[in-house]
Amino acid sequence: MRKQTKHSTFNFECQYSNLQKKVINFYRTNAVSIITGDPGTGKTFTAIYYALMMLKDGAVEEIIISKPLIEVGSKLGFLPGTEQEKVSVYMDSYAGTFKKIIGEGPYNNLLNSKKVRFEPVNYVRGTTFENAIVIMDESQGLSLHELVTFVTRISESSQLILLGDLWQADIKNSGLDPFIRIARGIDKIDHMELGDEYQMRNPMIVNLYKNYKQYLANKL
């Protein structure tokens, strides 16, 4: 049972397209929402937008963002600085989206008050997320065991949004597709695929990515 919390001191107007509204309404109906789609289909934007709506309205107390700590070129252990400084690098990649929606000042206030934070997926075992919107980005980078373990960290007072691209797994035996199959038909868990109609990127990039997927499909 989700409890009502104190409203956060920031505001923003609802500015999203009809297609984005469809995704946001999808989030409202699930405890665990799985969103897949190509880069540029607005997966991260709609998830953060919905999370901010819930935080502003007092439905949750915090927004938690996580992702597999696998990057092109560098891994967490090889980045300079303290552990906290290393983790902040990952949170920085979402800063632009937060600032676009609510502005730089309110975003910094949320960070300083720990209403928004990044949680490394490596550290969640034994943790239970209470009264939170939890966004797992790049979930195709987790094994099936890791995905199931992460999902079990969500309490009844929280919601989980899994974002992913089935064509961009950085590991062998990605667990995202099997997890979608296993979760099919379970109440309060649902999957939505964002097609080309959601695409907002340069058509050249879109076509390049389509050819890339076709190339990968031909190799299977």
N, C-alpha and C. Protein backbone atom coordinates (compact mmCIF):
# COMPACT_ATOMS: atom_id res chain seq x y z
N MET A 1 0.85 -1.19 0.00
CA MET A 1 0.00 0.00 0.00
C MET A 1 0.89 1.24 0.00
N ARG A 2 0.79 2.06 -1.04
CA ARG A 2 1.64 3.22 -1.15
C ARG A 2 1.11 4.33 -0.27
N LYS A 3 1.98 4.90 0.54
CA LYS A 3 1.55 5.99 1.40
C LYS A 3 1.79 7.33 0.72
N GLN A 4 1.01 8.34 1.11
CA GLN A 4 1.16 9.68 0.57
C GLN A 4 2.23 10.40 1.38
N THR A 5 3.21 10.99 0.70
CA THR A 5 4.30 11.67 1.37
C THR A 5 4.17 13.17 1.15
N LYS A 6 5.00 13.92 1.82
CA LYS A 6 5.00 15.37 1.68
C LYS A 6 5.40 15.76 0.27
N HIS A 7 4.69 16.70 -0.32
CA HIS A 7 5.00 17.15 -1.67
C HIS A 7 6.39 17.79 -1.73
N SER A 8 7.09 17.55 -2.83
CA SER A 8 8.40 18.16 -3.01
C SER A 8 8.24 19.59 -3.52
N THR A 9 9.23 20.43 -3.21
CA THR A 9 9.14 21.85 -3.53
C THR A 9 9.74 22.14 -4.90
N PHE A 10 9.12 21.65 -5.93
CA PHE A 10 9.47 22.01 -7.30
C PHE A 10 8.21 21.84 -8.13
N ASN A 11 8.24 22.43 -9.30
CA ASN A 11 7.06 22.37 -10.14
C ASN A 11 7.47 22.33 -11.60
N PHE A 12 6.62 21.81 -12.45
CA PHE A 12 6.84 21.84 -13.89
C PHE A 12 5.52 21.57 -14.57
N GLU A 13 5.39 22.08 -15.77
CA GLU A 13 4.17 21.90 -16.52
C GLU A 13 4.24 20.61 -17.34
N CYS A 14 3.08 20.02 -17.57
CA CYS A 14 3.00 18.81 -18.37
C CYS A 14 3.21 19.17 -19.83
N GLN A 15 4.36 18.83 -20.36
CA GLN A 15 4.70 19.10 -21.75
C GLN A 15 5.20 17.82 -22.39
N TYR A 16 4.28 17.04 -22.90
CA TYR A 16 4.66 15.82 -23.59
C TYR A 16 3.66 15.54 -24.71
N SER A 17 4.11 14.76 -25.67
CA SER A 17 3.28 14.45 -26.83
C SER A 17 2.22 13.43 -26.47
N ASN A 18 1.30 13.21 -27.37
CA ASN A 18 0.27 12.19 -27.14
C ASN A 18 0.88 10.80 -27.02
N LEU A 19 1.93 10.53 -27.79
CA LEU A 19 2.59 9.23 -27.68
C LEU A 19 3.29 9.09 -26.34
N GLN A 20 3.96 10.14 -25.87
CA GLN A 20 4.61 10.09 -24.57
C GLN A 20 3.57 9.96 -23.45
N LYS A 21 2.41 10.59 -23.63
CA LYS A 21 1.33 10.45 -22.65
C LYS A 21 0.88 8.99 -22.57
N LYS A 22 0.87 8.30 -23.70
CA LYS A 22 0.50 6.89 -23.72
C LYS A 22 1.46 6.06 -22.87
N VAL A 23 2.76 6.37 -22.95
CA VAL A 23 3.75 5.66 -22.16
C VAL A 23 3.58 5.98 -20.67
N ILE A 24 3.37 7.24 -20.35
CA ILE A 24 3.19 7.65 -18.96
C ILE A 24 1.97 6.98 -18.35
N ASN A 25 0.89 6.90 -19.11
CA ASN A 25 -0.31 6.20 -18.61
C ASN A 25 -0.05 4.71 -18.43
N PHE A 26 0.83 4.16 -19.26
CA PHE A 26 1.23 2.75 -19.10
C PHE A 26 1.92 2.54 -17.76
N TYR A 27 2.79 3.48 -17.37
CA TYR A 27 3.47 3.39 -16.08
C TYR A 27 2.47 3.37 -14.92
N ARG A 28 1.42 4.15 -15.04
CA ARG A 28 0.46 4.27 -13.96
C ARG A 28 -0.22 2.94 -13.61
N THR A 29 -0.29 2.04 -14.57
CA THR A 29 -1.08 0.82 -14.39
C THR A 29 -0.27 -0.36 -13.89
N ASN A 30 1.05 -0.19 -13.73
CA ASN A 30 1.90 -1.34 -13.40
C ASN A 30 2.76 -1.09 -12.17
N ALA A 31 3.08 -2.18 -11.49
CA ALA A 31 4.09 -2.12 -10.44
C ALA A 31 5.48 -2.23 -11.06
N VAL A 32 5.58 -3.05 -12.12
CA VAL A 32 6.82 -3.20 -12.87
C VAL A 32 6.50 -2.96 -14.34
N SER A 33 7.06 -1.90 -14.89
CA SER A 33 6.86 -1.57 -16.31
C SER A 33 8.15 -1.85 -17.06
N ILE A 34 8.07 -2.58 -18.17
CA ILE A 34 9.22 -2.88 -19.00
C ILE A 34 9.04 -2.13 -20.32
N ILE A 35 9.98 -1.24 -20.62
CA ILE A 35 9.93 -0.46 -21.85
C ILE A 35 11.16 -0.78 -22.68
N THR A 36 10.94 -1.25 -23.90
CA THR A 36 12.05 -1.49 -24.81
C THR A 36 11.86 -0.67 -26.08
N GLY A 37 12.97 -0.39 -26.76
CA GLY A 37 12.90 0.39 -27.99
C GLY A 37 14.28 0.86 -28.39
N ASP A 38 14.36 1.34 -29.62
CA ASP A 38 15.62 1.83 -30.15
C ASP A 38 16.07 3.09 -29.42
N PRO A 39 17.36 3.45 -29.52
CA PRO A 39 17.81 4.74 -29.01
C PRO A 39 17.03 5.86 -29.69
N GLY A 40 16.64 6.88 -28.91
CA GLY A 40 15.93 8.00 -29.47
C GLY A 40 14.42 7.91 -29.39
N THR A 41 13.90 6.83 -28.80
CA THR A 41 12.45 6.69 -28.69
C THR A 41 11.90 7.27 -27.39
N GLY A 42 12.76 7.89 -26.60
CA GLY A 42 12.30 8.60 -25.41
C GLY A 42 12.09 7.74 -24.18
N LYS A 43 12.75 6.60 -24.12
CA LYS A 43 12.57 5.69 -22.97
C LYS A 43 12.95 6.38 -21.66
N THR A 44 14.14 6.94 -21.62
CA THR A 44 14.63 7.56 -20.39
C THR A 44 13.84 8.82 -20.05
N PHE A 45 13.53 9.63 -21.06
CA PHE A 45 12.79 10.87 -20.81
C PHE A 45 11.45 10.59 -20.15
N THR A 46 10.66 9.68 -20.71
CA THR A 46 9.33 9.44 -20.15
C THR A 46 9.41 8.83 -18.75
N ALA A 47 10.42 7.99 -18.51
CA ALA A 47 10.57 7.37 -17.19
C ALA A 47 10.90 8.44 -16.14
N ILE A 48 11.83 9.33 -16.46
CA ILE A 48 12.21 10.39 -15.52
C ILE A 48 11.05 11.37 -15.34
N TYR A 49 10.36 11.69 -16.42
CA TYR A 49 9.22 12.60 -16.34
C TYR A 49 8.15 12.03 -15.40
N TYR A 50 7.82 10.77 -15.59
CA TYR A 50 6.81 10.14 -14.73
C TYR A 50 7.28 10.11 -13.28
N ALA A 51 8.56 9.77 -13.07
CA ALA A 51 9.10 9.71 -11.71
C ALA A 51 9.01 11.07 -11.03
N LEU A 52 9.31 12.13 -11.76
CA LEU A 52 9.22 13.48 -11.20
C LEU A 52 7.78 13.85 -10.87
N MET A 53 6.84 13.44 -11.72
CA MET A 53 5.43 13.67 -11.43
C MET A 53 5.03 13.02 -10.11
N MET A 54 5.44 11.78 -9.91
CA MET A 54 5.11 11.04 -8.70
C MET A 54 5.76 11.65 -7.47
N LEU A 55 7.00 12.11 -7.63
CA LEU A 55 7.70 12.75 -6.51
C LEU A 55 7.05 14.08 -6.16
N LYS A 56 6.73 14.87 -7.17
CA LYS A 56 6.10 16.17 -6.95
C LYS A 56 4.75 16.04 -6.24
N ASP A 57 3.99 15.02 -6.60
CA ASP A 57 2.66 14.82 -6.03
C ASP A 57 2.69 14.14 -4.67
N GLY A 58 3.88 13.75 -4.21
CA GLY A 58 3.99 13.14 -2.89
C GLY A 58 3.65 11.67 -2.86
N ALA A 59 3.56 11.02 -4.03
CA ALA A 59 3.23 9.60 -4.08
C ALA A 59 4.44 8.74 -3.69
N VAL A 60 5.65 9.28 -3.85
CA VAL A 60 6.88 8.58 -3.45
C VAL A 60 7.80 9.57 -2.75
N GLU A 61 8.83 9.04 -2.12
CA GLU A 61 9.77 9.89 -1.38
C GLU A 61 11.07 10.12 -2.14
N GLU A 62 11.37 9.27 -3.11
CA GLU A 62 12.64 9.44 -3.81
C GLU A 62 12.60 8.77 -5.18
N ILE A 63 13.53 9.20 -6.02
CA ILE A 63 13.75 8.59 -7.33
C ILE A 63 15.12 7.94 -7.29
N ILE A 64 15.15 6.66 -7.61
CA ILE A 64 16.41 5.90 -7.62
C ILE A 64 16.68 5.46 -9.06
N ILE A 65 17.86 5.77 -9.55
CA ILE A 65 18.26 5.35 -10.89
C ILE A 65 19.42 4.38 -10.78
N SER A 66 19.36 3.32 -11.57
CA SER A 66 20.43 2.34 -11.59
C SER A 66 20.67 1.89 -13.02
N LYS A 67 21.81 1.30 -13.23
CA LYS A 67 22.13 0.71 -14.53
C LYS A 67 23.34 -0.21 -14.34
N PRO A 68 23.53 -1.17 -15.22
CA PRO A 68 24.74 -2.00 -15.15
C PRO A 68 25.97 -1.11 -15.33
N LEU A 69 26.96 -1.30 -14.51
CA LEU A 69 28.16 -0.47 -14.58
C LEU A 69 29.13 -1.02 -15.62
N ILE A 70 28.65 -1.02 -16.84
CA ILE A 70 29.44 -1.47 -17.99
C ILE A 70 29.42 -0.34 -19.00
N GLU A 71 30.57 0.17 -19.35
CA GLU A 71 30.64 1.28 -20.29
C GLU A 71 31.59 0.93 -21.42
N VAL A 72 31.41 1.63 -22.55
CA VAL A 72 32.32 1.46 -23.68
C VAL A 72 33.64 2.12 -23.31
N GLY A 73 34.70 1.34 -23.17
CA GLY A 73 36.03 1.89 -22.93
C GLY A 73 36.48 1.84 -21.48
N SER A 74 35.60 2.19 -20.52
CA SER A 74 36.00 2.28 -19.12
C SER A 74 35.03 1.53 -18.24
N LYS A 75 35.54 0.97 -17.15
CA LYS A 75 34.70 0.34 -16.14
C LYS A 75 34.90 1.07 -14.83
N LEU A 76 34.00 0.85 -13.89
CA LEU A 76 33.98 1.61 -12.65
C LEU A 76 35.31 1.56 -11.92
N GLY A 77 35.93 0.38 -11.84
CA GLY A 77 37.15 0.23 -11.07
C GLY A 77 38.33 1.00 -11.63
N PHE A 78 38.26 1.34 -12.93
CA PHE A 78 39.38 2.01 -13.56
C PHE A 78 39.18 3.52 -13.68
N LEU A 79 38.00 4.01 -13.29
CA LEU A 79 37.77 5.45 -13.32
C LEU A 79 38.47 6.10 -12.15
N PRO A 80 39.01 7.33 -12.33
CA PRO A 80 39.72 7.98 -11.22
C PRO A 80 38.75 8.48 -10.16
N GLY A 81 39.28 8.71 -8.93
CA GLY A 81 38.47 9.30 -7.87
C GLY A 81 37.96 8.29 -6.87
N THR A 82 37.22 8.81 -5.87
CA THR A 82 36.64 7.97 -4.84
C THR A 82 35.47 7.19 -5.42
N GLU A 83 34.95 6.24 -4.63
CA GLU A 83 33.80 5.45 -5.07
C GLU A 83 32.61 6.35 -5.38
N GLN A 84 32.35 7.35 -4.50
CA GLN A 84 31.23 8.26 -4.71
C GLN A 84 31.42 9.08 -5.97
N GLU A 85 32.64 9.51 -6.22
CA GLU A 85 32.92 10.28 -7.43
C GLU A 85 32.73 9.43 -8.68
N LYS A 86 33.10 8.16 -8.59
CA LYS A 86 32.89 7.26 -9.72
C LYS A 86 31.41 7.08 -10.00
N VAL A 87 30.63 6.89 -8.95
CA VAL A 87 29.19 6.70 -9.11
C VAL A 87 28.53 7.96 -9.67
N SER A 88 29.02 9.15 -9.24
CA SER A 88 28.41 10.40 -9.69
C SER A 88 28.54 10.58 -11.19
N VAL A 89 29.56 9.96 -11.79
CA VAL A 89 29.72 10.03 -13.25
C VAL A 89 28.50 9.45 -13.95
N TYR A 90 27.96 8.39 -13.40
CA TYR A 90 26.79 7.75 -14.01
C TYR A 90 25.54 8.60 -13.82
N MET A 91 25.40 9.22 -12.67
CA MET A 91 24.26 10.10 -12.43
C MET A 91 24.32 11.32 -13.34
N ASP A 92 25.52 11.78 -13.64
CA ASP A 92 25.68 12.96 -14.49
C ASP A 92 25.08 12.75 -15.87
N SER A 93 25.04 11.51 -16.33
CA SER A 93 24.52 11.25 -17.67
C SER A 93 23.01 11.48 -17.76
N TYR A 94 22.34 11.58 -16.60
CA TYR A 94 20.90 11.83 -16.56
C TYR A 94 20.58 13.29 -16.21
N ALA A 95 21.60 14.05 -15.86
CA ALA A 95 21.38 15.41 -15.39
C ALA A 95 20.68 16.26 -16.44
N GLY A 96 21.07 16.12 -17.71
CA GLY A 96 20.48 16.92 -18.76
C GLY A 96 18.98 16.72 -18.88
N THR A 97 18.53 15.48 -18.71
CA THR A 97 17.10 15.20 -18.79
C THR A 97 16.35 15.83 -17.63
N PHE A 98 16.89 15.69 -16.42
CA PHE A 98 16.26 16.32 -15.25
C PHE A 98 16.19 17.84 -15.42
N LYS A 99 17.29 18.44 -15.86
CA LYS A 99 17.34 19.90 -16.00
C LYS A 99 16.38 20.37 -17.08
N LYS A 100 16.24 19.58 -18.13
CA LYS A 100 15.31 19.95 -19.21
C LYS A 100 13.87 20.00 -18.71
N ILE A 101 13.55 19.12 -17.77
CA ILE A 101 12.17 19.02 -17.28
C ILE A 101 11.88 20.03 -16.18
N ILE A 102 12.77 20.13 -15.18
CA ILE A 102 12.47 20.98 -14.01
C ILE A 102 13.44 22.13 -13.80
N GLY A 103 14.53 22.18 -14.57
CA GLY A 103 15.50 23.26 -14.40
C GLY A 103 16.67 22.84 -13.52
N GLU A 104 17.77 23.57 -13.64
CA GLU A 104 19.01 23.21 -12.94
C GLU A 104 18.90 23.35 -11.43
N GLY A 105 18.32 24.47 -10.96
CA GLY A 105 18.22 24.70 -9.53
C GLY A 105 17.42 23.63 -8.80
N PRO A 106 16.19 23.35 -9.23
CA PRO A 106 15.42 22.28 -8.58
C PRO A 106 16.10 20.92 -8.65
N TYR A 107 16.77 20.65 -9.77
CA TYR A 107 17.48 19.36 -9.88
C TYR A 107 18.59 19.27 -8.84
N ASN A 108 19.38 20.34 -8.70
CA ASN A 108 20.47 20.33 -7.71
C ASN A 108 19.91 20.19 -6.30
N ASN A 109 18.76 20.80 -6.04
CA ASN A 109 18.12 20.67 -4.72
C ASN A 109 17.72 19.22 -4.45
N LEU A 110 17.19 18.56 -5.47
CA LEU A 110 16.80 17.15 -5.30
C LEU A 110 18.01 16.28 -5.04
N LEU A 111 19.11 16.57 -5.74
CA LEU A 111 20.34 15.81 -5.51
C LEU A 111 20.86 16.01 -4.10
N ASN A 112 20.92 17.27 -3.67
CA ASN A 112 21.46 17.59 -2.34
C ASN A 112 20.61 17.02 -1.22
N SER A 113 19.30 16.93 -1.44
CA SER A 113 18.40 16.38 -0.42
C SER A 113 18.25 14.87 -0.55
N LYS A 114 18.99 14.30 -1.50
CA LYS A 114 18.97 12.85 -1.76
C LYS A 114 17.58 12.34 -2.14
N LYS A 115 16.78 13.21 -2.74
CA LYS A 115 15.49 12.80 -3.30
C LYS A 115 15.68 12.10 -4.64
N VAL A 116 16.83 12.36 -5.26
CA VAL A 116 17.23 11.69 -6.49
C VAL A 116 18.63 11.15 -6.27
N ARG A 117 18.82 9.87 -6.55
CA ARG A 117 20.15 9.30 -6.34
C ARG A 117 20.38 8.13 -7.29
N PHE A 118 21.67 7.84 -7.50
CA PHE A 118 22.07 6.70 -8.32
C PHE A 118 22.48 5.56 -7.39
N GLU A 119 21.98 4.37 -7.66
CA GLU A 119 22.28 3.19 -6.85
C GLU A 119 22.95 2.15 -7.74
N PRO A 120 24.24 1.89 -7.55
CA PRO A 120 24.90 0.86 -8.36
C PRO A 120 24.22 -0.49 -8.20
N VAL A 121 23.95 -1.14 -9.30
CA VAL A 121 23.23 -2.41 -9.25
C VAL A 121 24.00 -3.46 -8.45
N ASN A 122 25.32 -3.30 -8.40
CA ASN A 122 26.17 -4.25 -7.67
C ASN A 122 25.88 -4.28 -6.18
N TYR A 123 25.27 -3.20 -5.65
CA TYR A 123 25.15 -3.07 -4.20
C TYR A 123 23.73 -3.30 -3.67
N VAL A 124 22.81 -3.78 -4.51
CA VAL A 124 21.41 -3.83 -4.09
C VAL A 124 21.05 -5.09 -3.31
N ARG A 125 21.88 -6.11 -3.34
CA ARG A 125 21.54 -7.34 -2.63
C ARG A 125 21.33 -7.05 -1.14
N GLY A 126 20.20 -7.47 -0.60
CA GLY A 126 19.88 -7.23 0.80
C GLY A 126 19.16 -5.91 1.03
N THR A 127 19.02 -5.10 -0.03
CA THR A 127 18.33 -3.82 0.08
C THR A 127 16.88 -3.97 -0.35
N THR A 128 15.98 -3.21 0.29
CA THR A 128 14.58 -3.13 -0.16
C THR A 128 14.26 -1.67 -0.42
N PHE A 129 13.75 -1.38 -1.62
CA PHE A 129 13.41 -0.02 -1.98
C PHE A 129 11.99 0.29 -1.54
N GLU A 130 11.86 1.27 -0.66
CA GLU A 130 10.56 1.66 -0.10
C GLU A 130 10.17 3.04 -0.60
N ASN A 131 8.88 3.20 -0.94
CA ASN A 131 8.33 4.51 -1.32
C ASN A 131 9.19 5.23 -2.35
N ALA A 132 9.48 4.52 -3.42
CA ALA A 132 10.38 5.06 -4.44
C ALA A 132 9.92 4.69 -5.84
N ILE A 133 10.31 5.51 -6.79
CA ILE A 133 10.27 5.12 -8.20
C ILE A 133 11.69 4.70 -8.54
N VAL A 134 11.84 3.46 -8.97
CA VAL A 134 13.16 2.93 -9.30
C VAL A 134 13.25 2.71 -10.81
N ILE A 135 14.24 3.33 -11.42
CA ILE A 135 14.44 3.21 -12.87
C ILE A 135 15.72 2.41 -13.11
N MET A 136 15.58 1.25 -13.71
CA MET A 136 16.74 0.47 -14.13
C MET A 136 16.95 0.70 -15.61
N ASP A 137 17.96 1.47 -15.95
CA ASP A 137 18.27 1.78 -17.34
C ASP A 137 19.22 0.73 -17.91
N GLU A 138 19.23 0.61 -19.23
CA GLU A 138 20.13 -0.33 -19.91
C GLU A 138 20.01 -1.73 -19.33
N SER A 139 18.79 -2.17 -19.07
CA SER A 139 18.61 -3.45 -18.38
C SER A 139 19.00 -4.65 -19.22
N GLN A 140 19.24 -4.43 -20.52
CA GLN A 140 19.74 -5.54 -21.34
C GLN A 140 21.16 -5.94 -20.94
N GLY A 141 21.80 -5.12 -20.11
CA GLY A 141 23.15 -5.44 -19.66
C GLY A 141 23.19 -6.30 -18.41
N LEU A 142 22.03 -6.82 -17.98
CA LEU A 142 21.97 -7.69 -16.81
C LEU A 142 21.62 -9.11 -17.22
N SER A 143 22.13 -10.06 -16.47
CA SER A 143 21.74 -11.46 -16.68
C SER A 143 20.34 -11.67 -16.12
N LEU A 144 19.74 -12.79 -16.45
CA LEU A 144 18.41 -13.10 -15.93
C LEU A 144 18.43 -13.15 -14.40
N HIS A 145 19.44 -13.77 -13.84
CA HIS A 145 19.55 -13.85 -12.37
C HIS A 145 19.65 -12.46 -11.76
N GLU A 146 20.44 -11.58 -12.37
CA GLU A 146 20.60 -10.22 -11.85
C GLU A 146 19.28 -9.44 -11.94
N LEU A 147 18.56 -9.62 -13.05
CA LEU A 147 17.28 -8.93 -13.20
C LEU A 147 16.27 -9.38 -12.15
N VAL A 148 16.16 -10.69 -11.97
CA VAL A 148 15.22 -11.22 -10.98
C VAL A 148 15.61 -10.75 -9.58
N THR A 149 16.90 -10.76 -9.28
CA THR A 149 17.38 -10.30 -7.98
C THR A 149 17.00 -8.83 -7.77
N PHE A 150 17.18 -8.02 -8.80
CA PHE A 150 16.87 -6.59 -8.67
C PHE A 150 15.38 -6.37 -8.48
N VAL A 151 14.56 -7.07 -9.25
CA VAL A 151 13.12 -6.88 -9.16
C VAL A 151 12.60 -7.24 -7.77
N THR A 152 13.21 -8.23 -7.14
CA THR A 152 12.76 -8.66 -5.81
C THR A 152 13.12 -7.64 -4.72
N ARG A 153 13.86 -6.59 -5.07
CA ARG A 153 14.21 -5.54 -4.10
C ARG A 153 13.10 -4.50 -3.97
N ILE A 154 12.06 -4.61 -4.82
CA ILE A 154 11.01 -3.59 -4.86
C ILE A 154 9.89 -3.96 -3.89
N SER A 155 9.54 -3.03 -3.00
CA SER A 155 8.45 -3.25 -2.05
C SER A 155 7.13 -2.87 -2.68
N GLU A 156 6.02 -3.13 -1.98
CA GLU A 156 4.69 -2.80 -2.47
C GLU A 156 4.48 -1.28 -2.55
N SER A 157 5.30 -0.52 -1.85
CA SER A 157 5.15 0.94 -1.86
C SER A 157 5.94 1.61 -2.99
N SER A 158 6.57 0.80 -3.83
CA SER A 158 7.42 1.34 -4.88
C SER A 158 6.99 0.85 -6.25
N GLN A 159 7.50 1.51 -7.28
CA GLN A 159 7.33 1.08 -8.65
C GLN A 159 8.68 0.93 -9.30
N LEU A 160 8.78 -0.02 -10.22
CA LEU A 160 10.03 -0.26 -10.96
C LEU A 160 9.78 -0.07 -12.44
N ILE A 161 10.67 0.66 -13.09
CA ILE A 161 10.64 0.82 -14.54
C ILE A 161 11.94 0.24 -15.10
N LEU A 162 11.82 -0.78 -15.93
CA LEU A 162 12.96 -1.38 -16.61
C LEU A 162 13.03 -0.84 -18.03
N LEU A 163 14.15 -0.23 -18.38
CA LEU A 163 14.36 0.31 -19.72
C LEU A 163 15.43 -0.50 -20.42
N GLY A 164 15.24 -0.77 -21.70
CA GLY A 164 16.26 -1.53 -22.40
C GLY A 164 16.10 -1.54 -23.90
N ASP A 165 17.15 -1.98 -24.55
CA ASP A 165 17.19 -2.16 -26.00
C ASP A 165 17.71 -3.57 -26.24
N LEU A 166 16.86 -4.43 -26.76
CA LEU A 166 17.22 -5.84 -26.93
C LEU A 166 18.37 -6.05 -27.91
N TRP A 167 18.71 -5.01 -28.68
CA TRP A 167 19.76 -5.13 -29.68
C TRP A 167 21.09 -4.58 -29.19
N GLN A 168 21.16 -4.07 -27.98
CA GLN A 168 22.39 -3.43 -27.51
C GLN A 168 22.96 -4.08 -26.26
N ALA A 169 22.80 -5.36 -26.11
CA ALA A 169 23.36 -6.04 -24.93
C ALA A 169 24.88 -6.05 -25.00
N ASP A 170 25.51 -5.62 -23.91
CA ASP A 170 26.97 -5.61 -23.82
C ASP A 170 27.52 -6.89 -23.20
N ILE A 171 26.63 -7.81 -22.87
CA ILE A 171 27.06 -9.08 -22.29
C ILE A 171 26.46 -10.22 -23.09
N LYS A 172 27.07 -11.37 -22.97
CA LYS A 172 26.48 -12.57 -23.55
C LYS A 172 25.34 -13.03 -22.63
N ASN A 173 24.36 -13.64 -23.21
CA ASN A 173 23.23 -14.17 -22.44
C ASN A 173 22.52 -13.09 -21.63
N SER A 174 22.18 -11.99 -22.29
CA SER A 174 21.39 -10.95 -21.64
C SER A 174 20.09 -11.56 -21.11
N GLY A 175 19.68 -11.11 -19.93
CA GLY A 175 18.49 -11.67 -19.31
C GLY A 175 17.20 -10.93 -19.64
N LEU A 176 17.28 -9.85 -20.41
CA LEU A 176 16.09 -9.02 -20.61
C LEU A 176 15.00 -9.75 -21.39
N ASP A 177 15.33 -10.34 -22.51
CA ASP A 177 14.32 -11.05 -23.29
C ASP A 177 13.72 -12.23 -22.52
N PRO A 178 14.54 -13.08 -21.88
CA PRO A 178 13.95 -14.15 -21.07
C PRO A 178 13.07 -13.62 -19.94
N PHE A 179 13.48 -12.50 -19.32
CA PHE A 179 12.67 -11.94 -18.24
C PHE A 179 11.31 -11.49 -18.75
N ILE A 180 11.29 -10.86 -19.93
CA ILE A 180 10.01 -10.43 -20.52
C ILE A 180 9.11 -11.64 -20.74
N ARG A 181 9.68 -12.73 -21.21
CA ARG A 181 8.89 -13.94 -21.45
C ARG A 181 8.37 -14.54 -20.14
N ILE A 182 9.22 -14.58 -19.12
CA ILE A 182 8.84 -15.15 -17.83
C ILE A 182 7.74 -14.32 -17.18
N ALA A 183 7.83 -12.99 -17.33
CA ALA A 183 6.88 -12.09 -16.66
C ALA A 183 5.54 -11.98 -17.38
N ARG A 184 5.47 -12.53 -18.59
CA ARG A 184 4.26 -12.38 -19.39
C ARG A 184 3.06 -13.00 -18.66
N GLY A 185 1.98 -12.23 -18.57
CA GLY A 185 0.76 -12.73 -17.95
C GLY A 185 0.67 -12.52 -16.45
N ILE A 186 1.74 -12.01 -15.84
CA ILE A 186 1.72 -11.76 -14.39
C ILE A 186 1.08 -10.40 -14.13
N ASP A 187 0.13 -10.37 -13.23
CA ASP A 187 -0.59 -9.14 -12.91
C ASP A 187 0.37 -8.08 -12.40
N LYS A 188 0.19 -6.85 -12.89
CA LYS A 188 0.95 -5.67 -12.50
C LYS A 188 2.37 -5.64 -13.08
N ILE A 189 2.71 -6.58 -13.98
CA ILE A 189 3.95 -6.51 -14.74
C ILE A 189 3.57 -6.51 -16.21
N ASP A 190 4.08 -5.53 -16.97
CA ASP A 190 3.73 -5.49 -18.39
C ASP A 190 4.89 -4.91 -19.19
N HIS A 191 4.87 -5.23 -20.48
CA HIS A 191 5.94 -4.82 -21.40
C HIS A 191 5.35 -3.98 -22.52
N MET A 192 6.05 -2.90 -22.88
CA MET A 192 5.65 -2.04 -23.99
C MET A 192 6.86 -1.79 -24.88
N GLU A 193 6.70 -2.06 -26.17
CA GLU A 193 7.76 -1.81 -27.14
C GLU A 193 7.48 -0.48 -27.84
N LEU A 194 8.47 0.41 -27.86
CA LEU A 194 8.33 1.70 -28.51
C LEU A 194 8.84 1.58 -29.95
N GLY A 195 7.93 1.71 -30.91
CA GLY A 195 8.28 1.55 -32.31
C GLY A 195 8.78 2.83 -32.95
N ASP A 196 8.87 2.81 -34.28
CA ASP A 196 9.44 3.94 -35.03
C ASP A 196 8.65 5.23 -34.83
N GLU A 197 7.35 5.12 -34.50
CA GLU A 197 6.55 6.33 -34.34
C GLU A 197 7.00 7.16 -33.14
N TYR A 198 7.77 6.56 -32.23
CA TYR A 198 8.27 7.27 -31.06
C TYR A 198 9.63 7.93 -31.33
N GLN A 199 10.22 7.65 -32.47
CA GLN A 199 11.58 8.07 -32.76
C GLN A 199 11.68 9.58 -32.91
N MET A 200 12.71 10.18 -32.26
CA MET A 200 12.90 11.62 -32.29
C MET A 200 14.28 12.02 -32.79
N ARG A 201 15.09 11.06 -33.21
CA ARG A 201 16.45 11.35 -33.62
C ARG A 201 16.55 11.66 -35.11
N ASN A 202 17.74 12.10 -35.49
CA ASN A 202 18.06 12.37 -36.88
C ASN A 202 17.76 11.13 -37.72
N PRO A 203 16.99 11.28 -38.83
CA PRO A 203 16.66 10.12 -39.67
C PRO A 203 17.88 9.34 -40.14
N MET A 204 19.00 10.01 -40.34
CA MET A 204 20.22 9.31 -40.75
C MET A 204 20.65 8.31 -39.68
N ILE A 205 20.60 8.74 -38.41
CA ILE A 205 20.98 7.86 -37.31
C ILE A 205 19.98 6.72 -37.18
N VAL A 206 18.70 7.03 -37.36
CA VAL A 206 17.66 6.01 -37.28
C VAL A 206 17.89 4.94 -38.33
N ASN A 207 18.17 5.35 -39.56
CA ASN A 207 18.39 4.40 -40.65
C ASN A 207 19.66 3.58 -40.43
N LEU A 208 20.70 4.22 -39.91
CA LEU A 208 21.93 3.51 -39.60
C LEU A 208 21.67 2.41 -38.57
N TYR A 209 20.88 2.74 -37.54
CA TYR A 209 20.60 1.76 -36.50
C TYR A 209 19.74 0.63 -37.03
N LYS A 210 18.81 0.93 -37.92
CA LYS A 210 18.00 -0.12 -38.54
C LYS A 210 18.89 -1.08 -39.32
N ASN A 211 19.84 -0.53 -40.08
CA ASN A 211 20.75 -1.39 -40.84
C ASN A 211 21.63 -2.22 -39.91
N TYR A 212 22.00 -1.62 -38.78
CA TYR A 212 22.80 -2.33 -37.78
C TYR A 212 22.03 -3.54 -37.22
N LYS A 213 20.76 -3.33 -36.91
CA LYS A 213 19.94 -4.43 -36.40
C LYS A 213 19.75 -5.52 -37.45
N GLN A 214 19.59 -5.09 -38.70
CA GLN A 214 19.45 -6.07 -39.78
C GLN A 214 20.73 -6.88 -39.94
N TYR A 215 21.87 -6.21 -39.80
CA TYR A 215 23.16 -6.89 -39.86
C TYR A 215 23.28 -7.93 -38.76
N LEU A 216 22.90 -7.54 -37.54
CA LEU A 216 22.98 -8.48 -36.42
C LEU A 216 22.01 -9.64 -36.64
N ALA A 217 20.81 -9.36 -37.14
CA ALA A 217 19.81 -10.42 -37.37
C ALA A 217 20.33 -11.42 -38.40
N ASN A 218 21.02 -10.97 -39.40
CA ASN A 218 21.55 -11.87 -40.43
C ASN A 218 22.67 -12.76 -39.92
N LYS A 219 23.32 -12.33 -38.83
CA LYS A 219 24.40 -13.12 -38.25
C LYS A 219 23.89 -14.21 -37.31
N LEU A 220 22.64 -14.09 -36.88
CA LEU A 220 22.09 -15.07 -35.94
C LEU A 220 21.83 -16.41 -36.63
